[in-house]
């Protein structure tokens, strides 16, 4: 919810500024073309309206000053974020991913659902990365709400025999269970369309971790071999 409020607070001042600037320019152009033959009348008729618009514009800037400051500081920090060394995640994440990946045969297919899949070695294995559960998948599509066995057969038919996934209670981003159960976002599709398949996938992974062979475990992730 905090992210939604921040996103709104950043977008409103920009939208208001653009609207007022566009409206003011349009108004001035219309006045010039309509009354250019009467310069005195132009000044008298337009001065009050221009004064009103200018005041609205200034009040908006003052009202949304905190959001504008945050936007400005964020933009100003982009260069340093790009050029400064460092990683988004601690190095142990990459080590955990690579250690588990090394437990699979070379060139085998792996289904991956982790916080930072870009840390994996894509040359070593063919990786099917779940970037957005329910967004897209190879035909005939991931079988949601049909249990872990259906998911297992679907993956094996694609030649996928390993699943490397983060524990949903230890994830830090998209695959965090609390993000889908406790984040009361206002978008209608969040809880009705998107959350159900994501939670179903998490549940099936947990069940497969019981019924199938767990080849390796890390602080946050498991590597499962489908029987």
Foldseek 3Di string as FASTA:
>chain_A
DVVVVLVCLQVVLVVVLVVLVVVLVVVLVVLCVVQVVPVVVSCVVCVVVNVVSVVVNVVSCVVSVVSVVVVVVVVVCPVVVVPPDDDPDDPVVLVVQAVLVVLDQFAAEEEEAAQCVVSYDCNRYPYNYCPAQPPDDPPPDQDFPPALVSNLVVCVVVRHFKYKYWQLCPGDPDSNLCCLVPVPDDDPCSPPPRSRRSVRVNVSVVVQPVVFDFSDDDPTITMTGHD
